[in-house]
Every structure is written in structure tokens, then in C-alpha cells.
Amino acid sequence: MWDEKAKSQLFDQVKEIQRLIVEGGAKRNHKRIGKCQNCSRKSACSESLA
């Protein structure tokens, strides 16, 4: 169900992802080349499969 609580949780997760990207703490958690090929961060990723 999409409500204010769900919206808030989504935004909190997005903010956390952005923080990890800036601080360099984000790590690849998959082995799917297609996912890496379509990632907007692949050019800055040291773990890219693409």
C-alpha cells in the first residue's frame, strides 16, 4: 500500500544510498552483468561487471 509511511521509508532508503555513494561505502551485492550495464554509477564503480 502506497501511503505517507511507505513514501517516507522509500525516501530514507534513497538518502542512505546517496550517502553511501558519496562516502564510498556502497558495494555491489549481485553478480548480474545486465544490472551493471544499466547502472548509472558504473563509470565510478570499482566493482562493475560491465
N, C-alpha and C. Protein backbone atom coordinates (compact mmCIF):
# COMPACT_ATOMS: atom_id res chain seq x y z
N MET A 1 0.85 -1.18 0.00
CA MET A 1 0.00 0.00 0.00
C MET A 1 0.89 1.24 0.00
N TRP A 2 0.61 2.17 -0.89
CA TRP A 2 1.40 3.39 -1.01
C TRP A 2 0.75 4.47 -0.14
N ASP A 3 1.42 4.82 0.94
CA ASP A 3 0.93 5.87 1.83
C ASP A 3 2.11 6.72 2.28
N GLU A 4 1.88 7.64 3.17
CA GLU A 4 2.96 8.54 3.62
C GLU A 4 4.09 7.78 4.31
N LYS A 5 3.76 6.72 5.05
CA LYS A 5 4.79 5.94 5.72
C LYS A 5 5.69 5.24 4.69
N ALA A 6 5.08 4.63 3.68
CA ALA A 6 5.86 3.96 2.63
C ALA A 6 6.70 4.98 1.87
N LYS A 7 6.13 6.13 1.59
CA LYS A 7 6.87 7.19 0.88
C LYS A 7 8.07 7.64 1.70
N SER A 8 7.89 7.82 2.98
CA SER A 8 8.97 8.23 3.87
C SER A 8 10.07 7.17 3.92
N GLN A 9 9.67 5.89 3.99
CA GLN A 9 10.65 4.81 4.02
C GLN A 9 11.46 4.77 2.72
N LEU A 10 10.79 4.96 1.60
CA LEU A 10 11.47 4.98 0.32
C LEU A 10 12.49 6.11 0.27
N PHE A 11 12.09 7.30 0.66
CA PHE A 11 12.99 8.45 0.63
C PHE A 11 14.16 8.25 1.59
N ASP A 12 13.92 7.63 2.74
CA ASP A 12 15.01 7.35 3.67
C ASP A 12 16.04 6.41 3.03
N GLN A 13 15.56 5.40 2.32
CA GLN A 13 16.47 4.46 1.66
C GLN A 13 17.25 5.14 0.54
N VAL A 14 16.59 5.99 -0.22
CA VAL A 14 17.28 6.72 -1.30
C VAL A 14 18.38 7.61 -0.71
N LYS A 15 18.07 8.29 0.38
CA LYS A 15 19.06 9.15 1.03
C LYS A 15 20.25 8.33 1.52
N GLU A 16 19.99 7.14 2.05
CA GLU A 16 21.06 6.28 2.54
C GLU A 16 21.94 5.81 1.38
N ILE A 17 21.35 5.46 0.27
CA ILE A 17 22.11 5.05 -0.91
C ILE A 17 22.98 6.20 -1.38
N GLN A 18 22.43 7.39 -1.45
CA GLN A 18 23.19 8.56 -1.87
C GLN A 18 24.35 8.83 -0.92
N ARG A 19 24.13 8.69 0.36
CA ARG A 19 25.18 8.89 1.35
C ARG A 19 26.30 7.87 1.15
N LEU A 20 25.95 6.62 0.94
CA LEU A 20 26.96 5.58 0.74
C LEU A 20 27.77 5.82 -0.53
N ILE A 21 27.11 6.29 -1.57
CA ILE A 21 27.83 6.58 -2.82
C ILE A 21 28.84 7.69 -2.59
N VAL A 22 28.44 8.74 -1.91
CA VAL A 22 29.32 9.88 -1.66
C VAL A 22 30.49 9.47 -0.77
N GLU A 23 30.21 8.68 0.25
CA GLU A 23 31.25 8.28 1.19
C GLU A 23 32.07 7.09 0.71
N GLY A 24 31.66 6.48 -0.38
CA GLY A 24 32.41 5.35 -0.92
C GLY A 24 32.11 4.03 -0.25
N GLY A 25 31.03 3.94 0.49
CA GLY A 25 30.72 2.69 1.20
C GLY A 25 29.78 1.76 0.46
N ALA A 26 29.30 2.15 -0.70
CA ALA A 26 28.38 1.30 -1.45
C ALA A 26 29.16 0.16 -2.09
N LYS A 27 28.65 -1.05 -1.99
CA LYS A 27 29.29 -2.23 -2.56
C LYS A 27 28.31 -2.97 -3.46
N ARG A 28 28.83 -3.56 -4.52
CA ARG A 28 27.99 -4.36 -5.40
C ARG A 28 27.51 -5.59 -4.63
N ASN A 29 26.23 -5.90 -4.73
CA ASN A 29 25.68 -7.04 -3.99
C ASN A 29 25.02 -8.05 -4.94
N HIS A 30 25.53 -8.14 -6.16
CA HIS A 30 24.96 -9.06 -7.14
C HIS A 30 26.07 -9.50 -8.10
N LYS A 31 25.74 -10.46 -8.95
CA LYS A 31 26.67 -10.93 -9.96
C LYS A 31 25.99 -10.90 -11.33
N ARG A 32 25.14 -9.90 -11.54
CA ARG A 32 24.35 -9.79 -12.77
C ARG A 32 24.95 -8.71 -13.67
N ILE A 33 25.56 -9.15 -14.77
CA ILE A 33 26.20 -8.22 -15.69
C ILE A 33 25.20 -7.20 -16.22
N GLY A 34 23.99 -7.65 -16.55
CA GLY A 34 22.97 -6.75 -17.08
C GLY A 34 22.63 -5.62 -16.14
N LYS A 35 22.61 -5.92 -14.86
CA LYS A 35 22.32 -4.88 -13.87
C LYS A 35 23.44 -3.84 -13.87
N CYS A 36 24.67 -4.29 -13.97
CA CYS A 36 25.81 -3.36 -14.02
C CYS A 36 25.80 -2.55 -15.32
N GLN A 37 25.46 -3.19 -16.43
CA GLN A 37 25.46 -2.50 -17.71
C GLN A 37 24.48 -1.33 -17.73
N ASN A 38 23.40 -1.43 -16.97
CA ASN A 38 22.38 -0.39 -16.96
C ASN A 38 22.49 0.54 -15.76
N CYS A 39 23.54 0.40 -14.98
CA CYS A 39 23.70 1.20 -13.77
C CYS A 39 24.25 2.60 -14.10
N SER A 40 23.66 3.59 -13.48
CA SER A 40 24.12 4.96 -13.70
C SER A 40 25.45 5.25 -13.02
N ARG A 41 25.90 4.38 -12.14
CA ARG A 41 27.14 4.58 -11.39
C ARG A 41 28.29 3.73 -11.91
N LYS A 42 28.08 2.98 -13.00
CA LYS A 42 29.10 2.03 -13.43
C LYS A 42 30.44 2.67 -13.77
N SER A 43 30.43 3.90 -14.25
CA SER A 43 31.70 4.54 -14.61
C SER A 43 32.54 4.88 -13.37
N ALA A 44 31.91 4.98 -12.22
CA ALA A 44 32.63 5.31 -11.00
C ALA A 44 32.78 4.11 -10.07
N CYS A 45 32.37 2.94 -10.54
CA CYS A 45 32.34 1.75 -9.69
C CYS A 45 33.59 0.90 -9.90
N SER A 46 34.27 0.57 -8.83
CA SER A 46 35.45 -0.27 -8.94
C SER A 46 35.09 -1.76 -8.96
N GLU A 47 33.79 -2.07 -8.77
CA GLU A 47 33.34 -3.46 -8.75
C GLU A 47 32.42 -3.79 -9.92
N SER A 48 32.36 -2.92 -10.92
CA SER A 48 31.45 -3.12 -12.05
C SER A 48 31.79 -4.40 -12.81
N LEU A 49 30.78 -5.12 -13.22
CA LEU A 49 30.95 -6.32 -14.03
C LEU A 49 30.87 -6.00 -15.53
N ALA A 50 30.48 -4.79 -15.85
CA ALA A 50 30.27 -4.41 -17.25
C ALA A 50 31.49 -3.73 -17.84
